[in-house]
Amino acid sequence: MITGINFQNAEFEKSAVAKEQYPKSDMLEFAFAGRSNVGKSSMINKVLNRKSLARVSGTPGKTITINFYNIDKKIYLVDLPGYGYAKRSKEEVAKWGNMMEDYLANREQLVQTILLVDSRHTPTAQDIQMAEWIRHYHDRLVVIATKMDKLKKSEIDDRLNDIADTLELTEEDILIPFSTNSDEGKELVIDLLHLMREGILLPYDEE
C-alpha cells in the first residue's frame, strides 16, 4: 500500500446543495457517483476504516446533497447524491441534474469522479449516462464494482466482463472489484487515490 495520506484521520465536513456551500479550500477532491442503492456510503466507510462516518441511508435516494469528507487535511472524498430513485419527483430529478452538472463542470478542485456500479447487474442506462459525463470531464473512466461478495466465484469473470463491455472500458480505464464484507478492493482504491493525488494515473495490472 502506498502511504502519504492517513485515511483513518477523516471527518465529515459539510453537506452542500450549491457551489456557494462547497468548502473554501484548495485541497484536491475525489468524487463518487452511482445509483442510490449501489453502496457509496458503505464503500467510503470501508476505505476510511470507519463504521458510520458516511451515513448509510435505509431509504435509497433520500440524500440529495453533496457530502464532503476531509481526509487527513490533504484531500476531500465527495459523496455525490445517488440517481435512479423511482419515487423522486421531476423537480427533484431536475435539481439533482443541475447540481451534478454544475459540480462536475465547474469544480476546479475535482481531480476524478469515480463511478460505482452493482457487480450483480448489467449497468443501467443511467450508469452509462454517468459514465459518459465522467468521460466528458475526465481523461479516463474509473469504475468500482461493488457487492462482489454477493457473487459466486463462477460468476465473477462474466460479471466484470459485462460491466467492462457495457461501459465500453478501454485499456486506459480502471475497474476495481470491491466488497465491504472483506478487504477486496480497499487497498487498490487507497493506492489509486494516492496516485491520482500525485498526478500519476497508471491503470492497474491485475496480473
Protein backbone atom coordinates (compact mmCIF):
# COMPACT_ATOMS: atom_id res chain seq x y z
CA MET A 1 0.00 0.00 0.00
CA ILE A 2 1.20 3.49 -0.88
CA THR A 3 1.43 5.82 2.11
CA GLY A 4 1.21 9.58 2.49
CA ILE A 5 -2.41 10.13 3.50
CA ASN A 6 -3.81 8.77 6.75
CA PHE A 7 -7.26 7.67 5.61
CA GLN A 8 -8.30 6.94 9.18
CA ASN A 9 -7.87 10.62 10.05
CA ALA A 10 -11.16 11.57 8.45
CA GLU A 11 -14.12 13.72 9.34
CA PHE A 12 -17.38 14.77 7.80
CA GLU A 13 -17.05 18.45 6.99
CA LYS A 14 -20.28 19.58 5.38
CA SER A 15 -23.18 18.96 3.03
CA ALA A 16 -23.92 21.27 0.14
CA VAL A 17 -26.64 21.82 -2.44
CA ALA A 18 -24.99 24.77 -4.22
CA LYS A 19 -21.46 25.87 -5.06
CA GLU A 20 -21.64 28.68 -2.52
CA GLN A 21 -21.73 25.98 0.16
CA TYR A 22 -18.72 23.99 -1.06
CA PRO A 23 -15.63 24.00 1.20
CA LYS A 24 -13.46 27.08 0.76
CA SER A 25 -10.29 25.08 0.26
CA ASP A 26 -7.71 24.29 -2.42
CA MET A 27 -7.47 20.63 -1.39
CA LEU A 28 -7.99 18.18 -4.22
CA GLU A 29 -11.32 16.35 -4.39
CA PHE A 30 -12.28 12.84 -5.49
CA ALA A 31 -15.98 12.26 -6.03
CA PHE A 32 -18.04 9.06 -6.01
CA ALA A 33 -21.16 8.71 -8.15
CA GLY A 34 -23.65 5.88 -8.56
CA ARG A 35 -27.19 4.66 -8.13
CA SER A 36 -28.94 5.33 -4.85
CA ASN A 37 -28.53 1.74 -3.61
CA VAL A 38 -25.07 0.96 -5.01
CA GLY A 39 -23.30 1.31 -1.65
CA LYS A 40 -21.32 4.56 -1.95
CA SER A 41 -21.50 5.41 1.75
CA SER A 42 -20.60 1.86 2.75
CA MET A 43 -17.63 1.90 0.37
CA ILE A 44 -16.39 5.22 1.79
CA ASN A 45 -16.72 3.91 5.35
CA LYS A 46 -14.74 0.80 4.38
CA VAL A 47 -11.92 2.80 2.80
CA LEU A 48 -11.75 5.06 5.87
CA ASN A 49 -11.97 2.10 8.26
CA ARG A 50 -14.97 3.70 9.93
CA LYS A 51 -18.35 2.19 10.67
CA SER A 52 -20.65 5.13 10.22
CA LEU A 53 -18.80 8.29 9.20
CA ALA A 54 -20.58 8.31 5.85
CA ARG A 55 -24.27 7.99 6.54
CA VAL A 56 -25.83 4.84 5.11
CA SER A 57 -29.46 5.62 4.42
CA GLY A 58 -32.12 2.96 4.89
CA THR A 59 -34.15 4.75 2.23
CA PRO A 60 -32.48 4.77 -1.21
CA GLY A 61 -32.47 8.20 -2.80
CA LYS A 62 -33.10 10.04 0.44
CA THR A 63 -29.85 12.02 0.28
CA ILE A 64 -29.83 14.78 -2.34
CA THR A 65 -26.84 16.70 -1.02
CA ILE A 66 -23.16 16.65 -1.93
CA ASN A 67 -21.28 15.46 1.16
CA PHE A 68 -17.64 16.42 1.74
CA TYR A 69 -15.29 14.30 3.88
CA ASN A 70 -11.98 15.85 4.92
CA ILE A 71 -9.25 13.20 4.80
CA ASP A 72 -6.14 13.98 6.84
CA LYS A 73 -6.46 17.64 5.82
CA LYS A 74 -4.97 16.61 2.47
CA ILE A 75 -7.87 15.61 0.21
CA TYR A 76 -11.66 15.50 0.16
CA LEU A 77 -13.72 12.45 -0.65
CA VAL A 78 -17.03 13.65 -2.03
CA ASP A 79 -20.21 11.56 -1.87
CA LEU A 80 -22.46 12.69 -4.71
CA PRO A 81 -26.23 12.20 -4.44
CA GLY A 82 -27.44 8.92 -5.88
CA TYR A 83 -29.52 8.63 -9.00
CA GLY A 84 -32.17 6.21 -10.19
CA TYR A 85 -34.58 6.55 -7.26
CA ALA A 86 -38.00 5.88 -8.80
CA LYS A 87 -40.03 7.88 -6.24
CA ARG A 88 -38.16 11.12 -6.84
CA SER A 89 -40.29 13.85 -8.41
CA LYS A 90 -39.48 15.52 -11.73
CA GLU A 91 -38.49 18.64 -9.82
CA GLU A 92 -36.09 16.65 -7.63
CA VAL A 93 -34.60 14.92 -10.67
CA ALA A 94 -34.06 18.29 -12.36
CA LYS A 95 -32.47 19.67 -9.20
CA TRP A 96 -30.19 16.63 -8.97
CA GLY A 97 -29.13 17.02 -12.60
CA ASN A 98 -28.37 20.70 -12.28
CA MET A 99 -26.39 20.19 -9.07
CA MET A 100 -24.35 17.33 -10.55
CA GLU A 101 -23.67 19.15 -13.82
CA ASP A 102 -22.52 22.27 -12.00
CA TYR A 103 -20.20 20.34 -9.70
CA LEU A 104 -18.67 18.17 -12.44
CA ALA A 105 -18.26 21.03 -14.89
CA ASN A 106 -17.08 23.84 -12.63
CA ARG A 107 -15.37 22.47 -9.52
CA GLU A 108 -11.68 23.19 -10.18
CA GLN A 109 -10.51 21.09 -7.22
CA LEU A 110 -12.16 17.95 -8.64
CA VAL A 111 -9.46 15.52 -9.82
CA GLN A 112 -11.59 12.48 -10.67
CA THR A 113 -15.18 11.32 -10.44
CA ILE A 114 -15.36 7.58 -9.74
CA LEU A 115 -18.39 5.58 -10.85
CA LEU A 116 -19.78 2.83 -8.63
CA VAL A 117 -21.89 0.06 -10.17
CA ASP A 118 -23.50 -3.02 -8.64
CA SER A 119 -21.45 -6.02 -9.74
CA ARG A 120 -24.55 -8.25 -9.77
CA HIS A 121 -26.29 -6.38 -12.57
CA THR A 122 -25.62 -5.02 -16.03
CA PRO A 123 -25.01 -1.25 -15.78
CA THR A 124 -28.22 0.69 -16.35
CA ALA A 125 -28.90 3.41 -18.91
CA GLN A 126 -28.30 5.93 -16.12
CA ASP A 127 -24.97 4.28 -15.29
CA ILE A 128 -23.99 4.58 -18.94
CA GLN A 129 -25.04 8.24 -18.98
CA MET A 130 -22.99 8.93 -15.86
CA ALA A 131 -20.02 7.17 -17.44
CA GLU A 132 -20.37 9.46 -20.46
CA TRP A 133 -20.48 12.51 -18.16
CA ILE A 134 -17.31 11.35 -16.44
CA ARG A 135 -15.54 10.76 -19.74
CA HIS A 136 -16.52 14.27 -20.82
CA TYR A 137 -14.93 15.88 -17.76
CA HIS A 138 -12.03 13.50 -17.09
CA ASP A 139 -9.29 11.75 -19.05
CA ARG A 140 -10.42 8.27 -18.10
CA LEU A 141 -13.20 6.27 -16.52
CA VAL A 142 -12.62 4.75 -13.09
CA VAL A 143 -15.24 2.19 -12.02
CA ILE A 144 -15.71 0.38 -8.72
CA ALA A 145 -17.81 -2.78 -8.90
CA THR A 146 -19.49 -3.10 -5.50
CA LYS A 147 -21.06 -6.06 -3.68
CA MET A 148 -18.59 -8.57 -5.07
CA ASP A 149 -19.22 -10.79 -2.05
CA LYS A 150 -22.75 -11.38 -3.35
CA LEU A 151 -21.39 -13.19 -6.40
CA LYS A 152 -20.47 -16.84 -6.74
CA LYS A 153 -16.87 -17.41 -7.80
CA SER A 154 -18.11 -18.86 -11.07
CA GLU A 155 -19.95 -15.60 -11.81
CA ILE A 156 -17.14 -13.11 -11.18
CA ASP A 157 -15.39 -13.08 -14.56
CA ASP A 158 -18.66 -12.89 -16.51
CA ARG A 159 -20.00 -10.06 -14.36
CA LEU A 160 -16.80 -7.98 -14.62
CA ASN A 161 -16.63 -8.58 -18.37
CA ASP A 162 -20.26 -7.49 -18.70
CA ILE A 163 -19.55 -4.25 -16.82
CA ALA A 164 -16.46 -3.59 -18.96
CA ASP A 165 -18.35 -4.27 -22.20
CA THR A 166 -21.45 -2.26 -21.27
CA LEU A 167 -19.45 0.78 -20.19
CA GLU A 168 -17.04 0.31 -23.11
CA LEU A 169 -13.97 0.36 -20.89
CA THR A 170 -10.64 0.86 -22.63
CA GLU A 171 -7.13 -0.16 -21.62
CA GLU A 172 -6.71 3.28 -20.07
CA ASP A 173 -9.76 2.86 -17.82
CA ILE A 174 -9.72 1.24 -14.40
CA LEU A 175 -12.14 -1.33 -12.96
CA ILE A 176 -11.79 -2.30 -9.29
CA PRO A 177 -13.82 -5.16 -7.76
CA PHE A 178 -14.89 -4.15 -4.23
CA SER A 179 -16.58 -5.70 -1.22
CA THR A 180 -17.46 -4.08 2.10
CA ASN A 181 -17.62 -7.52 3.74
CA SER A 182 -13.93 -8.15 3.11
CA ASP A 183 -10.86 -6.10 2.21
CA GLU A 184 -11.29 -6.78 -1.50
CA GLY A 185 -10.55 -3.60 -3.40
CA LYS A 186 -9.89 -1.44 -0.35
CA GLU A 187 -6.13 -1.09 -0.77
CA LEU A 188 -6.48 -0.66 -4.53
CA VAL A 189 -8.82 2.29 -4.00
CA ILE A 190 -6.47 3.84 -1.43
CA ASP A 191 -3.46 3.38 -3.71
CA LEU A 192 -5.39 4.81 -6.64
CA LEU A 193 -6.32 7.92 -4.67
CA HIS A 194 -2.66 8.40 -3.73
CA LEU A 195 -1.60 8.03 -7.37
CA MET A 196 -4.24 10.42 -8.64
CA ARG A 197 -3.32 12.98 -5.98
CA GLU A 198 0.27 12.86 -7.22
CA GLY A 199 -0.82 13.08 -10.85
CA ILE A 200 0.19 9.51 -11.63
CA LEU A 201 -2.70 7.79 -13.39
CA LEU A 202 -1.49 4.35 -14.28
CA PRO A 203 -4.07 1.59 -14.77
CA TYR A 204 -3.63 -1.42 -12.54
CA ASP A 205 -2.25 -4.66 -13.91
CA GLU A 206 -4.38 -7.25 -12.14
CA GLU A 207 -1.88 -9.96 -13.00
